Amino acid sequence: MTSQPRRKSLADRNREAIQRDPIEHTPPIRPERRARTTTTDTTRVSVSMSPDEFTGVKAAFIADWQHARQHDTFPAWISAALEHHAILSPTQRSALAGDGPKGKSPRSFVIPNIVGDQIRDALAADARHGAFLTMSAWCHNALMAGVATARGKNDGVLPTPPSRLPIRLA
């Protein structure tokens, strides 16, 4: 009878594996892809407005695009209107303040964080001047001011917007 060599135990095999030089695994080289926008670069604002007010906001976007072709997406126009309102002084904003939201239909918009920060700074400045508004009411005033500005640029007339806006205007 021939004796077979003793089989290594699991502990012996583990010990040998640990003592060996580790094999370096390099991850495959891929080009770095960046998303166009990331969720960390944006924030969401909710604005209460009536269906007629929302139609007016869409009409103002269409009118501004026909006039200057500056913002080719609705979210870009919303961000620009909010940013423009945030740049104004508290006195100028109070002169533009409307009656507030007339509807209870909330609309949600995604805006860049930098615009969100400007809105919060403007809210704080307004509070120091005695105007205490919610974020929704402040954004409502800003959008209604944008509608009024667009109406003024188009001789008091805004176009009738489609029920659904295209993703991007060409």
Protein backbone atom coordinates (compact mmCIF):
# COMPACT_ATOMS: atom_id res chain seq x y z
CA MET A 1 0.00 0.00 0.00
CA THR A 2 1.45 3.26 -1.02
CA SER A 3 0.94 6.19 1.16
CA GLN A 4 -0.52 9.23 -0.45
CA PRO A 5 0.82 12.61 0.50
CA ARG A 6 -1.17 14.31 3.17
CA ARG A 7 -3.77 16.64 1.76
CA LYS A 8 -3.35 20.25 2.88
CA SER A 9 -5.96 21.54 5.24
CA LEU A 10 -8.00 24.60 4.50
CA ALA A 11 -6.04 26.53 7.12
CA ASP A 12 -2.76 25.60 5.39
CA ARG A 13 -4.09 26.72 2.00
CA ASN A 14 -5.34 30.00 3.43
CA ARG A 15 -1.97 30.64 5.10
CA GLU A 16 -0.15 30.06 1.79
CA ALA A 17 -2.53 32.33 -0.08
CA ILE A 18 -1.97 35.13 2.41
CA GLN A 19 1.82 34.76 2.25
CA ARG A 20 1.92 34.90 -1.56
CA ASP A 21 2.37 38.20 -3.32
CA PRO A 22 -1.02 39.71 -4.01
CA ILE A 23 -2.01 39.89 -7.62
CA GLU A 24 -2.76 43.44 -8.51
CA HIS A 25 -6.02 43.75 -10.30
CA THR A 26 -6.26 46.90 -12.34
CA PRO A 27 -9.70 48.08 -13.25
CA PRO A 28 -10.35 48.39 -16.96
CA ILE A 29 -9.51 51.80 -18.31
CA ARG A 30 -12.65 53.62 -19.36
CA PRO A 31 -12.99 57.19 -20.43
CA GLU A 32 -14.63 59.26 -17.75
CA ARG A 33 -18.18 60.16 -18.68
CA ARG A 34 -19.91 62.99 -16.97
CA ALA A 35 -23.62 63.42 -16.95
CA ARG A 36 -24.91 66.65 -18.41
CA THR A 37 -26.60 67.43 -15.16
CA THR A 38 -26.43 65.65 -11.89
CA THR A 39 -29.02 65.60 -9.21
CA THR A 40 -26.52 67.16 -6.83
CA ASP A 41 -26.31 70.27 -9.03
CA THR A 42 -30.04 70.94 -8.94
CA THR A 43 -32.83 71.56 -6.50
CA ARG A 44 -36.58 71.40 -6.84
CA VAL A 45 -38.99 74.23 -6.12
CA SER A 46 -42.73 73.88 -5.88
CA VAL A 47 -44.92 76.81 -6.90
CA SER A 48 -48.67 77.00 -6.36
CA MET A 49 -50.52 78.59 -9.26
CA SER A 50 -53.82 78.37 -11.05
CA PRO A 51 -54.08 76.70 -14.45
CA ASP A 52 -54.52 80.14 -16.05
CA GLU A 53 -51.36 81.41 -14.36
CA PHE A 54 -49.44 78.34 -15.55
CA THR A 55 -50.71 78.94 -19.09
CA GLY A 56 -49.46 82.53 -18.77
CA VAL A 57 -46.02 81.30 -17.69
CA LYS A 58 -45.85 78.95 -20.69
CA ALA A 59 -47.01 81.78 -22.98
CA ALA A 60 -44.32 84.09 -21.57
CA PHE A 61 -41.69 81.42 -22.27
CA ILE A 62 -42.91 81.07 -25.88
CA ALA A 63 -43.04 84.86 -26.33
CA ASP A 64 -39.51 85.36 -24.98
CA TRP A 65 -38.23 82.57 -27.19
CA GLN A 66 -39.87 84.11 -30.27
CA HIS A 67 -38.50 87.53 -29.33
CA ALA A 68 -34.90 86.72 -28.37
CA ARG A 69 -34.41 82.92 -28.67
CA GLN A 70 -32.42 83.04 -25.47
CA HIS A 71 -33.87 80.10 -23.52
CA ASP A 72 -34.78 77.07 -25.60
CA THR A 73 -36.16 74.97 -22.72
CA PHE A 74 -38.93 75.78 -20.28
CA PRO A 75 -36.80 74.94 -17.19
CA ALA A 76 -34.09 77.30 -18.45
CA TRP A 77 -36.65 80.11 -18.76
CA ILE A 78 -38.01 79.35 -15.26
CA SER A 79 -34.48 79.47 -13.81
CA ALA A 80 -33.72 82.73 -15.60
CA ALA A 81 -36.95 84.34 -14.37
CA LEU A 82 -36.24 83.29 -10.78
CA GLU A 83 -32.62 84.42 -11.01
CA HIS A 84 -33.60 87.80 -12.49
CA HIS A 85 -36.08 88.34 -9.66
CA ALA A 86 -33.48 87.34 -7.05
CA ILE A 87 -31.02 89.93 -8.39
CA LEU A 88 -33.47 92.77 -7.73
CA SER A 89 -33.36 94.70 -4.47
CA PRO A 90 -36.00 94.00 -1.80
CA THR A 91 -37.62 97.35 -2.63
CA GLN A 92 -37.84 96.49 -6.32
CA ARG A 93 -39.25 93.05 -5.51
CA SER A 94 -41.89 94.51 -3.19
CA ALA A 95 -43.00 96.87 -5.98
CA LEU A 96 -43.46 93.85 -8.28
CA ALA A 97 -45.19 91.70 -5.65
CA GLY A 98 -48.56 90.43 -6.77
CA ASP A 99 -51.58 89.12 -4.95
CA GLY A 100 -49.95 85.77 -4.37
CA PRO A 101 -50.95 82.38 -5.67
CA LYS A 102 -54.57 82.19 -6.80
CA GLY A 103 -54.66 78.43 -7.20
CA LYS A 104 -53.83 75.43 -5.14
CA SER A 105 -52.28 73.47 -7.97
CA PRO A 106 -48.59 73.02 -7.19
CA ARG A 107 -46.12 72.90 -10.05
CA SER A 108 -42.65 71.55 -9.46
CA PHE A 109 -39.58 72.88 -11.29
CA VAL A 110 -35.95 71.76 -11.22
CA ILE A 111 -33.50 74.65 -10.99
CA PRO A 112 -29.72 74.88 -10.54
CA ASN A 113 -28.49 75.01 -6.94
CA ILE A 114 -26.91 78.40 -7.53
CA VAL A 115 -30.34 79.86 -8.37
CA GLY A 116 -31.80 78.16 -5.29
CA ASP A 117 -29.09 79.81 -3.17
CA GLN A 118 -29.88 83.20 -4.72
CA ILE A 119 -33.57 82.70 -3.91
CA ARG A 120 -32.80 81.86 -0.28
CA ASP A 121 -30.57 84.95 -0.02
CA ALA A 122 -33.33 87.09 -1.55
CA LEU A 123 -35.90 85.61 0.88
CA ALA A 124 -33.61 86.52 3.79
CA ALA A 125 -33.14 90.05 2.44
CA ASP A 126 -36.91 90.42 2.00
CA ALA A 127 -37.45 89.24 5.57
CA ARG A 128 -35.02 91.87 6.84
CA HIS A 129 -37.21 94.44 5.03
CA GLY A 130 -40.43 93.10 6.54
CA ALA A 131 -41.70 90.89 3.71
CA PHE A 132 -42.10 87.33 4.97
CA LEU A 133 -42.90 85.00 2.09
CA THR A 134 -42.80 81.29 1.60
CA MET A 135 -40.53 79.91 -1.10
CA SER A 136 -43.60 79.06 -3.18
CA ALA A 137 -45.08 82.56 -2.88
CA TRP A 138 -41.74 84.18 -3.66
CA CYS A 139 -41.29 82.01 -6.76
CA HIS A 140 -44.89 82.73 -7.77
CA ASN A 141 -44.21 86.48 -7.60
CA ALA A 142 -41.01 85.99 -9.63
CA LEU A 143 -42.77 84.02 -12.35
CA MET A 144 -45.66 86.49 -12.52
CA ALA A 145 -43.11 89.31 -12.84
CA GLY A 146 -41.52 87.34 -15.71
CA VAL A 147 -44.93 87.02 -17.36
CA ALA A 148 -45.52 90.77 -16.99
CA THR A 149 -42.09 91.52 -18.48
CA ALA A 150 -42.74 89.22 -21.45
CA ARG A 151 -46.17 90.79 -21.96
CA GLY A 152 -44.55 94.26 -21.94
CA LYS A 153 -41.98 93.21 -24.55
CA ASN A 154 -44.77 91.92 -26.83
CA ASP A 155 -47.06 94.95 -26.76
CA GLY A 156 -49.30 93.48 -24.10
CA VAL A 157 -50.09 90.30 -26.01
CA LEU A 158 -48.83 86.79 -25.29
CA PRO A 159 -49.18 83.91 -27.73
CA THR A 160 -51.42 80.96 -26.93
CA PRO A 161 -49.09 78.17 -25.80
CA PRO A 162 -49.66 74.53 -26.70
CA SER A 163 -51.12 72.30 -23.99
CA ARG A 164 -47.79 70.42 -23.84
CA LEU A 165 -44.56 72.26 -24.47
CA PRO A 166 -41.85 70.52 -26.49
CA ILE A 167 -38.74 69.50 -24.59
CA ARG A 168 -36.60 71.92 -26.58
CA LEU A 169 -37.58 74.63 -29.02
CA ALA A 170 -35.68 74.67 -32.29
